[in-house]
Amino acid sequence: MPTIDIYTTPTCPYCLAAKALLDNKGVAYNELTVIGDPAKRQEMLERANGRHTVPQIFIDGQHIGGFDDMNALDRQGKLDPLLKRAAS
């Protein structure tokens, strides 16, 4: 299985949508909540090259972007191969 990290906040609708998409794919992920955790938010900013919105999604260390980016990959048929490649 790939290692998937997703930085979130509890009430973010895009975070919920990203988690639902990953849940539908049947993949496990590490949810890293940044609310109230300045160190975790700083970690996200550094890993995401300064992107400060949530969610920020990483698959095996590769920055995918936010929900819109991941959803676009899925619509283009590129997310499943990325998940499979990351898993092998």
C-alpha atoms as a PDB file:
ATOM      1  CA  MET A   1       0.000   0.000   0.000  1.00  0.00           C
ATOM      2  CA  PRO A   2       1.203   3.507  -0.700  1.00  0.00           C
ATOM      3  CA  THR A   3       1.864   5.920   2.107  1.00  0.00           C
ATOM      4  CA  ILE A   4      -0.684   8.704   1.803  1.00  0.00           C
ATOM      5  CA  ASP A   5      -0.508  11.794   3.991  1.00  0.00           C
ATOM      6  CA  ILE A   6      -3.360  14.285   3.955  1.00  0.00           C
ATOM      7  CA  TYR A   7      -3.203  17.525   5.921  1.00  0.00           C
ATOM      8  CA  THR A   8      -6.686  18.605   6.989  1.00  0.00           C
ATOM      9  CA  THR A   9      -8.883  20.633   9.280  1.00  0.00           C
ATOM     10  CA  PRO A  10     -12.035  19.096  10.781  1.00  0.00           C
ATOM     11  CA  THR A  11     -14.644  21.319   9.105  1.00  0.00           C
ATOM     12  CA  CYS A  12     -13.095  21.719   5.644  1.00  0.00           C
ATOM     13  CA  PRO A  13     -15.502  20.425   2.961  1.00  0.00           C
ATOM     14  CA  TYR A  14     -12.635  19.813   0.530  1.00  0.00           C
ATOM     15  CA  CYS A  15     -10.867  17.734   3.177  1.00  0.00           C
ATOM     16  CA  LEU A  16     -14.011  15.658   3.650  1.00  0.00           C
ATOM     17  CA  ALA A  17     -14.314  15.197  -0.133  1.00  0.00           C
ATOM     18  CA  ALA A  18     -10.656  14.162  -0.439  1.00  0.00           C
ATOM     19  CA  LYS A  19     -11.007  11.619   2.358  1.00  0.00           C
ATOM     20  CA  ALA A  20     -14.219  10.268   0.782  1.00  0.00           C
ATOM     21  CA  LEU A  21     -12.457   9.829  -2.565  1.00  0.00           C
ATOM     22  CA  LEU A  22      -9.595   7.957  -0.920  1.00  0.00           C
ATOM     23  CA  ASP A  23     -12.062   5.884   1.110  1.00  0.00           C
ATOM     24  CA  ASN A  24     -13.887   4.964  -2.119  1.00  0.00           C
ATOM     25  CA  LYS A  25     -10.549   3.847  -3.589  1.00  0.00           C
ATOM     26  CA  GLY A  26     -10.075   1.596  -0.569  1.00  0.00           C
ATOM     27  CA  VAL A  27      -6.712   3.072   0.389  1.00  0.00           C
ATOM     28  CA  ALA A  28      -5.549   3.917   3.883  1.00  0.00           C
ATOM     29  CA  TYR A  29      -4.166   7.363   4.647  1.00  0.00           C
ATOM     30  CA  ASN A  30      -2.586   9.284   7.487  1.00  0.00           C
ATOM     31  CA  GLU A  31      -4.717  12.273   8.419  1.00  0.00           C
ATOM     32  CA  LEU A  32      -2.640  15.105   9.850  1.00  0.00           C
ATOM     33  CA  THR A  33      -4.838  17.802  11.387  1.00  0.00           C
ATOM     34  CA  VAL A  34      -3.217  21.237  11.266  1.00  0.00           C
ATOM     35  CA  ILE A  35      -5.808  23.175  13.268  1.00  0.00           C
ATOM     36  CA  GLY A  36      -4.345  24.337  16.557  1.00  0.00           C
ATOM     37  CA  ASP A  37      -0.954  22.849  15.670  1.00  0.00           C
ATOM     38  CA  PRO A  38       1.426  25.510  14.338  1.00  0.00           C
ATOM     39  CA  ALA A  39       4.269  22.990  13.966  1.00  0.00           C
ATOM     40  CA  LYS A  40       2.108  20.660  11.839  1.00  0.00           C
ATOM     41  CA  ARG A  41       0.927  23.602   9.704  1.00  0.00           C
ATOM     42  CA  GLN A  42       4.553  24.675   9.188  1.00  0.00           C
ATOM     43  CA  GLU A  43       5.459  21.120   8.210  1.00  0.00           C
ATOM     44  CA  MET A  44       2.645  21.177   5.634  1.00  0.00           C
ATOM     45  CA  LEU A  45       3.786  24.551   4.252  1.00  0.00           C
ATOM     46  CA  GLU A  46       7.325  23.251   3.800  1.00  0.00           C
ATOM     47  CA  ARG A  47       6.278  19.981   2.182  1.00  0.00           C
ATOM     48  CA  ALA A  48       3.723  21.718  -0.078  1.00  0.00           C
ATOM     49  CA  ASN A  49       6.125  24.429  -1.275  1.00  0.00           C
ATOM     50  CA  GLY A  50       4.243  27.188   0.531  1.00  0.00           C
ATOM     51  CA  ARG A  51       0.699  26.099  -0.289  1.00  0.00           C
ATOM     52  CA  HIS A  52      -1.308  26.939   2.798  1.00  0.00           C
ATOM     53  CA  THR A  53      -4.806  25.680   2.027  1.00  0.00           C
ATOM     54  CA  VAL A  54      -6.094  22.309   3.130  1.00  0.00           C
ATOM     55  CA  PRO A  55      -6.168  19.582   2.166  1.00  0.00           C
ATOM     56  CA  GLN A  56      -2.632  19.002   0.964  1.00  0.00           C
ATOM     57  CA  ILE A  57      -2.152  15.452  -0.246  1.00  0.00           C
ATOM     58  CA  PHE A  58       1.038  13.412  -0.630  1.00  0.00           C
ATOM     59  CA  ILE A  59       1.367   9.926  -2.104  1.00  0.00           C
ATOM     60  CA  ASP A  60       4.644   8.235  -1.180  1.00  0.00           C
ATOM     61  CA  GLY A  61       6.147  11.653  -0.564  1.00  0.00           C
ATOM     62  CA  GLN A  62       5.026  13.094  -3.912  1.00  0.00           C
ATOM     63  CA  HIS A  63       2.962  16.250  -3.539  1.00  0.00           C
ATOM     64  CA  ILE A  64      -0.358  15.755  -5.341  1.00  0.00           C
ATOM     65  CA  GLY A  65      -1.870  19.085  -4.290  1.00  0.00           C
ATOM     66  CA  GLY A  66      -5.347  19.700  -2.949  1.00  0.00           C
ATOM     67  CA  PHE A  67      -8.670  17.982  -3.526  1.00  0.00           C
ATOM     68  CA  ASP A  68      -9.236  19.630  -6.910  1.00  0.00           C
ATOM     69  CA  ASP A  69      -5.821  18.408  -8.073  1.00  0.00           C
ATOM     70  CA  MET A  70      -6.436  14.849  -6.864  1.00  0.00           C
ATOM     71  CA  ASN A  71      -9.956  14.820  -8.300  1.00  0.00           C
ATOM     72  CA  ALA A  72      -8.608  16.012 -11.675  1.00  0.00           C
ATOM     73  CA  LEU A  73      -6.072  13.162 -11.643  1.00  0.00           C
ATOM     74  CA  ASP A  74      -8.906  10.742 -10.927  1.00  0.00           C
ATOM     75  CA  ARG A  75     -11.077  12.109 -13.768  1.00  0.00           C
ATOM     76  CA  GLN A  76      -8.119  11.804 -16.151  1.00  0.00           C
ATOM     77  CA  GLY A  77      -7.583   8.189 -15.109  1.00  0.00           C
ATOM     78  CA  LYS A  78      -4.199   8.997 -13.576  1.00  0.00           C
ATOM     79  CA  LEU A  79      -4.914   8.526  -9.870  1.00  0.00           C
ATOM     80  CA  ASP A  80      -5.410   4.743  -9.850  1.00  0.00           C
ATOM     81  CA  PRO A  81      -2.123   4.063 -11.671  1.00  0.00           C
ATOM     82  CA  LEU A  82      -0.355   6.423  -9.273  1.00  0.00           C
ATOM     83  CA  LEU A  83      -1.804   4.546  -6.316  1.00  0.00           C
ATOM     84  CA  LYS A  84      -0.844   1.200  -7.856  1.00  0.00           C
ATOM     85  CA  ARG A  85       2.668   2.380  -8.786  1.00  0.00           C
ATOM     86  CA  ALA A  86       3.149   3.750  -5.293  1.00  0.00           C
ATOM     87  CA  ALA A  87       1.980   0.438  -3.848  1.00  0.00           C
ATOM     88  CA  SER A  88       4.474  -1.677  -5.822  1.00  0.00           C
END
